[in-house]
PDB file of N, CA and C in Angstrom:
ATOM      1  N   MET A   1     -16.525 -86.159  60.242  1.00  0.00           N
ATOM      2  CA  MET A   1     -15.871 -86.704  59.168  1.00  0.00           C
ATOM      3  C   MET A   1     -14.492 -86.025  58.839  1.00  0.00           C
ATOM      4  N   GLY A   2     -14.266 -85.148  59.352  1.00  0.00           N
ATOM      5  CA  GLY A   2     -13.002 -84.522  59.060  1.00  0.00           C
ATOM      6  C   GLY A   2     -12.795 -83.579  58.028  1.00  0.00           C
ATOM      7  N   MET A   3     -13.651 -82.962  57.489  1.00  0.00           N
ATOM      8  CA  MET A   3     -13.811 -82.040  56.255  1.00  0.00           C
ATOM      9  C   MET A   3     -14.494 -80.904  57.224  1.00  0.00           C
ATOM     10  N   THR A   4     -13.950 -79.813  56.563  1.00  0.00           N
ATOM     11  CA  THR A   4     -14.269 -78.768  56.826  1.00  0.00           C
ATOM     12  C   THR A   4     -15.729 -78.061  55.930  1.00  0.00           C
ATOM     13  N   PRO A   5     -16.461 -76.964  56.809  1.00  0.00           N
ATOM     14  CA  PRO A   5     -17.669 -76.419  56.086  1.00  0.00           C
ATOM     15  C   PRO A   5     -17.050 -76.271  54.476  1.00  0.00           C
ATOM     16  N   ALA A   6     -15.975 -75.738  54.133  1.00  0.00           N
ATOM     17  CA  ALA A   6     -15.549 -75.556  52.865  1.00  0.00           C
ATOM     18  C   ALA A   6     -15.316 -76.058  52.546  1.00  0.00           C
ATOM     19  N   GLU A   7     -14.655 -77.011  52.857  1.00  0.00           N
ATOM     20  CA  GLU A   7     -14.545 -78.491  51.865  1.00  0.00           C
ATOM     21  C   GLU A   7     -16.091 -79.013  51.202  1.00  0.00           C
ATOM     22  N   VAL A   8     -16.682 -79.293  52.171  1.00  0.00           N
ATOM     23  CA  VAL A   8     -17.836 -79.894  51.929  1.00  0.00           C
ATOM     24  C   VAL A   8     -18.345 -78.988  50.856  1.00  0.00           C
ATOM     25  N   GLY A   9     -18.786 -77.977  50.856  1.00  0.00           N
ATOM     26  CA  GLY A   9     -19.204 -76.824  49.989  1.00  0.00           C
ATOM     27  C   GLY A   9     -18.736 -76.669  48.696  1.00  0.00           C
ATOM     28  N   ALA A  10     -17.390 -77.585  48.619  1.00  0.00           N
ATOM     29  CA  ALA A  10     -16.521 -77.415  47.405  1.00  0.00           C
ATOM     30  C   ALA A  10     -17.017 -78.554  46.378  1.00  0.00           C
ATOM     31  N   CYS A  11     -17.250 -79.713  47.956  1.00  0.00           N
ATOM     32  CA  CYS A  11     -17.489 -80.917  46.848  1.00  0.00           C
ATOM     33  C   CYS A  11     -18.743 -81.264  45.914  1.00  0.00           C
ATOM     34  N   SER A  12     -18.796 -81.993  44.704  1.00  0.00           N
ATOM     35  CA  SER A  12     -19.882 -82.317  44.132  1.00  0.00           C
ATOM     36  C   SER A  12     -20.486 -83.044  44.861  1.00  0.00           C
ATOM     37  N   LEU A  13     -21.919 -83.419  44.807  1.00  0.00           N
ATOM     38  CA  LEU A  13     -23.128 -84.047  45.592  1.00  0.00           C
ATOM     39  C   LEU A  13     -22.301 -85.720  45.408  1.00  0.00           C
ATOM     40  N   TRP A  14     -21.712 -85.937  44.140  1.00  0.00           N
ATOM     41  CA  TRP A  14     -21.486 -87.346  44.257  1.00  0.00           C
ATOM     42  C   TRP A  14     -19.918 -87.320  44.787  1.00  0.00           C
ATOM     43  N   ALA A  15     -19.036 -86.564  45.059  1.00  0.00           N
ATOM     44  CA  ALA A  15     -17.766 -86.986  45.722  1.00  0.00           C
ATOM     45  C   ALA A  15     -18.190 -86.900  47.152  1.00  0.00           C
ATOM     46  N   PHE A  16     -19.059 -85.794  47.586  1.00  0.00           N
ATOM     47  CA  PHE A  16     -19.882 -85.841  49.464  1.00  0.00           C
ATOM     48  C   PHE A  16     -20.040 -87.106  49.521  1.00  0.00           C
ATOM     49  N   GLY A  17     -21.116 -87.685  48.669  1.00  0.00           N
ATOM     50  CA  GLY A  17     -21.692 -89.134  48.926  1.00  0.00           C
ATOM     51  C   GLY A  17     -20.498 -90.506  48.742  1.00  0.00           C
ATOM     52  N   ARG A  18     -19.573 -90.329  48.323  1.00  0.00           N
ATOM     53  CA  ARG A  18     -18.422 -91.254  48.062  1.00  0.00           C
ATOM     54  C   ARG A  18     -17.953 -90.962  49.468  1.00  0.00           C
ATOM     55  N   ALA A  19     -17.590 -89.852  49.880  1.00  0.00           N
ATOM     56  CA  ALA A  19     -16.825 -89.637  51.157  1.00  0.00           C
ATOM     57  C   ALA A  19     -17.893 -90.229  52.112  1.00  0.00           C
ATOM     58  N   CYS A  20     -18.402 -89.740  52.262  1.00  0.00           N
ATOM     59  CA  CYS A  20     -19.837 -90.403  53.336  1.00  0.00           C
ATOM     60  C   CYS A  20     -19.564 -92.139  53.610  1.00  0.00           C
ATOM     61  N   LYS A  21     -19.590 -92.486  52.213  1.00  0.00           N
ATOM     62  CA  LYS A  21     -19.755 -93.885  52.139  1.00  0.00           C
ATOM     63  C   LYS A  21     -18.333 -94.596  52.665  1.00  0.00           C
ATOM     64  N   GLY A  22     -17.455 -93.972  52.231  1.00  0.00           N
ATOM     65  CA  GLY A  22     -15.850 -93.970  52.832  1.00  0.00           C
ATOM     66  C   GLY A  22     -15.774 -93.949  54.631  1.00  0.00           C
ATOM     67  N   PHE A  23     -16.103 -92.970  54.955  1.00  0.00           N
ATOM     68  CA  PHE A  23     -16.136 -92.838  56.276  1.00  0.00           C
ATOM     69  C   PHE A  23     -17.053 -93.978  56.991  1.00  0.00           C
ATOM     70  N   ALA A  24     -18.265 -93.999  56.478  1.00  0.00           N
ATOM     71  CA  ALA A  24     -19.113 -95.078  57.507  1.00  0.00           C
ATOM     72  C   ALA A  24     -18.309 -96.570  57.550  1.00  0.00           C
ATOM     73  N   LYS A  25     -17.794 -96.830  55.984  1.00  0.00           N
ATOM     74  CA  LYS A  25     -17.046 -98.462  55.817  1.00  0.00           C
ATOM     75  C   LYS A  25     -16.064 -98.445  56.671  1.00  0.00           C
ATOM     76  N   PHE A  26     -15.175 -97.197  56.888  1.00  0.00           N
ATOM     77  CA  PHE A  26     -14.070 -97.723  57.797  1.00  0.00           C
ATOM     78  C   PHE A  26     -14.531 -97.339  59.140  1.00  0.00           C
ATOM     79  N   HIS A  27     -15.408 -96.909  59.772  1.00  0.00           N
ATOM     80  CA  HIS A  27     -16.255 -97.063  60.929  1.00  0.00           C
ATOM     81  C   HIS A  27     -16.631 -98.081  61.199  1.00  0.00           C
ATOM     82  N   GLY A  28     -16.980 -99.054  60.361  1.00  0.00           N
ATOM     83  CA  GLY A  28     -18.056-100.437  60.706  1.00  0.00           C
ATOM     84  C   GLY A  28     -19.206-100.618  60.064  1.00  0.00           C
ATOM     85  N   ALA A  29     -19.729 -99.497  59.270  1.00  0.00           N
ATOM     86  CA  ALA A  29     -20.669-100.025  58.527  1.00  0.00           C
ATOM     87  C   ALA A  29     -20.509-100.958  57.506  1.00  0.00           C
ATOM     88  N   GLU A  30     -21.779-102.079  57.485  1.00  0.00           N
ATOM     89  CA  GLU A  30     -21.542-102.877  56.087  1.00  0.00           C
ATOM     90  C   GLU A  30     -22.677-102.601  55.276  1.00  0.00           C
ATOM     91  N   ASP A  31     -21.905-103.147  54.099  1.00  0.00           N
ATOM     92  CA  ASP A  31     -22.425-103.512  52.956  1.00  0.00           C
ATOM     93  C   ASP A  31     -23.769-103.716  53.110  1.00  0.00           C
ATOM     94  N   LYS A  32     -24.782-103.551  52.523  1.00  0.00           N
ATOM     95  CA  LYS A  32     -26.074-103.876  52.533  1.00  0.00           C
ATOM     96  C   LYS A  32     -26.218-104.706  51.160  1.00  0.00           C
ATOM     97  N   GLY A  33     -25.232-104.728  50.422  1.00  0.00           N
ATOM     98  CA  GLY A  33     -25.589-105.835  49.490  1.00  0.00           C
ATOM     99  C   GLY A  33     -26.540-105.490  48.308  1.00  0.00           C
ATOM    100  N   GLY A  34     -26.383-105.778  46.941  1.00  0.00           N
ATOM    101  CA  GLY A  34     -27.543-105.524  45.652  1.00  0.00           C
ATOM    102  C   GLY A  34     -28.704-106.441  45.688  1.00  0.00           C
ATOM    103  N   ALA A  35     -29.310-105.852  44.896  1.00  0.00           N
ATOM    104  CA  ALA A  35     -30.612-106.441  44.864  1.00  0.00           C
ATOM    105  C   ALA A  35     -30.803-107.971  44.324  1.00  0.00           C
ATOM    106  N   PRO A  36     -31.884-108.689  44.660  1.00  0.00           N
ATOM    107  CA  PRO A  36     -31.759-109.763  44.589  1.00  0.00           C
ATOM    108  C   PRO A  36     -31.638-110.087  42.968  1.00  0.00           C
ATOM    109  N   SER A  37     -31.242-111.271  42.270  1.00  0.00           N
ATOM    110  CA  SER A  37     -31.769-111.768  40.789  1.00  0.00           C
ATOM    111  C   SER A  37     -33.367-111.539  40.712  1.00  0.00           C
ATOM    112  N   ASP A  38     -33.518-111.491  39.448  1.00  0.00           N
ATOM    113  CA  ASP A  38     -35.318-111.666  38.953  1.00  0.00           C
ATOM    114  C   ASP A  38     -35.530-113.047  39.557  1.00  0.00           C
ATOM    115  N   GLU A  39     -34.471-114.087  39.269  1.00  0.00           N
ATOM    116  CA  GLU A  39     -35.133-115.278  39.890  1.00  0.00           C
ATOM    117  C   GLU A  39     -35.147-115.317  41.167  1.00  0.00           C
ATOM    118  N   ALA A  40     -34.287-114.936  41.682  1.00  0.00           N
ATOM    119  CA  ALA A  40     -34.418-114.885  43.486  1.00  0.00           C
ATOM    120  C   ALA A  40     -35.647-114.374  43.798  1.00  0.00           C
ATOM    121  N   PHE A  41     -35.708-113.223  43.693  1.00  0.00           N
ATOM    122  CA  PHE A  41     -37.108-112.210  43.742  1.00  0.00           C
ATOM    123  C   PHE A  41     -37.883-113.087  43.387  1.00  0.00           C
ATOM    124  N   HIS A  42     -38.601-113.815  42.597  1.00  0.00           N
ATOM    125  CA  HIS A  42     -39.761-114.561  42.167  1.00  0.00           C
ATOM    126  C   HIS A  42     -40.034-115.591  42.807  1.00  0.00           C
ATOM    127  N   ARG A  43     -38.942-116.263  43.174  1.00  0.00           N
ATOM    128  CA  ARG A  43     -39.135-117.472  44.066  1.00  0.00           C
ATOM    129  C   ARG A  43     -39.252-116.950  45.610  1.00  0.00           C
ATOM    130  N   ALA A  44     -38.864-115.859  45.824  1.00  0.00           N
ATOM    131  CA  ALA A  44     -39.236-115.558  47.415  1.00  0.00           C
ATOM    132  C   ALA A  44     -40.358-114.941  46.975  1.00  0.00           C
ATOM    133  N   VAL A  45     -40.947-114.434  45.752  1.00  0.00           N
ATOM    134  CA  VAL A  45     -42.979-113.893  45.662  1.00  0.00           C
ATOM    135  C   VAL A  45     -43.182-115.273  46.196  1.00  0.00           C
ATOM    136  N   ALA A  46     -43.209-116.592  45.393  1.00  0.00           N
ATOM    137  CA  ALA A  46     -43.647-117.540  44.995  1.00  0.00           C
ATOM    138  C   ALA A  46     -43.906-118.513  46.693  1.00  0.00           C
ATOM    139  N   ALA A  47     -43.262-118.426  47.219  1.00  0.00           N
ATOM    140  CA  ALA A  47     -42.826-118.698  48.710  1.00  0.00           C
ATOM    141  C   ALA A  47     -43.634-118.366  49.777  1.00  0.00           C
ATOM    142  N   ALA A  48     -43.652-116.853  49.416  1.00  0.00           N
ATOM    143  CA  ALA A  48     -44.654-116.188  50.216  1.00  0.00           C
ATOM    144  C   ALA A  48     -46.256-116.316  50.050  1.00  0.00           C
ATOM    145  N   ARG A  49     -46.315-116.538  48.417  1.00  0.00           N
ATOM    146  CA  ARG A  49     -47.554-116.537  48.475  1.00  0.00           C
ATOM    147  C   ARG A  49     -48.030-117.870  48.764  1.00  0.00           C
ATOM    148  N   GLN A  50     -47.218-118.461  48.704  1.00  0.00           N
ATOM    149  CA  GLN A  50     -47.701-120.246  48.953  1.00  0.00           C
ATOM    150  C   GLN A  50     -48.136-120.602  50.669  1.00  0.00           C
ATOM    151  N   ALA A  51     -47.122-119.702  51.300  1.00  0.00           N
ATOM    152  CA  ALA A  51     -47.183-119.686  52.641  1.00  0.00           C
ATOM    153  C   ALA A  51     -48.329-118.958  53.272  1.00  0.00           C
ATOM    154  N   ASP A  52     -48.706-117.869  52.409  1.00  0.00           N
ATOM    155  CA  ASP A  52     -50.094-117.062  52.671  1.00  0.00           C
ATOM    156  C   ASP A  52     -51.031-118.007  52.552  1.00  0.00           C
ATOM    157  N   LEU A  53     -51.333-118.945  51.508  1.00  0.00           N
ATOM    158  CA  LEU A  53     -52.531-119.730  51.021  1.00  0.00           C
ATOM    159  C   LEU A  53     -52.317-121.077  52.194  1.00  0.00           C
ATOM    160  N   GLN A  54     -51.169-121.151  52.575  1.00  0.00           N
ATOM    161  CA  GLN A  54     -51.139-122.557  53.566  1.00  0.00           C
ATOM    162  C   GLN A  54     -52.153-121.663  55.322  1.00  0.00           C
ATOM    163  N   GLY A  55     -51.385-120.761  55.206  1.00  0.00           N
ATOM    164  CA  GLY A  55     -51.964-120.125  56.171  1.00  0.00           C
ATOM    165  C   GLY A  55     -53.356-120.080  56.482  1.00  0.00           C
ATOM    166  N   ARG A  56     -54.080-119.423  55.131  1.00  0.00           N
ATOM    167  CA  ARG A  56     -55.579-119.645  54.944  1.00  0.00           C
ATOM    168  C   ARG A  56     -56.332-120.856  55.231  1.00  0.00           C
ATOM    169  N   GLY A  57     -55.388-121.978  54.727  1.00  0.00           N
ATOM    170  CA  GLY A  57     -55.812-123.392  54.753  1.00  0.00           C
ATOM    171  C   GLY A  57     -56.612-123.354  53.599  1.00  0.00           C
ATOM    172  N   SER A  58     -55.992-123.085  52.487  1.00  0.00           N
ATOM    173  CA  SER A  58     -56.200-123.360  50.884  1.00  0.00           C
ATOM    174  C   SER A  58     -55.368-124.401  50.882  1.00  0.00           C
ATOM    175  N   ALA A  59     -55.890-124.926  49.730  1.00  0.00           N
ATOM    176  CA  ALA A  59     -54.431-125.822  49.371  1.00  0.00           C
ATOM    177  C   ALA A  59     -53.664-125.595  47.863  1.00  0.00           C
ATOM    178  N   GLY A  60     -54.336-124.311  47.488  1.00  0.00           N
ATOM    179  CA  GLY A  60     -53.385-123.947  46.523  1.00  0.00           C
ATOM    180  C   GLY A  60     -54.038-123.136  45.096  1.00  0.00           C
TER     181      GLY A  60
END
């Protein structure tokens, strides 16, 4: 990452984490995005339950 051991040791945990994130982003790491909204989460859970019920042969 271009930091000496002494520089790493002098960093706070937050500062080191930000340096790691910046290094990764510069080298092509993609942002994973945030968590889904509550509404999107509940829609996905409902869809998964419906698919499970259909897979078992139940009507609902």
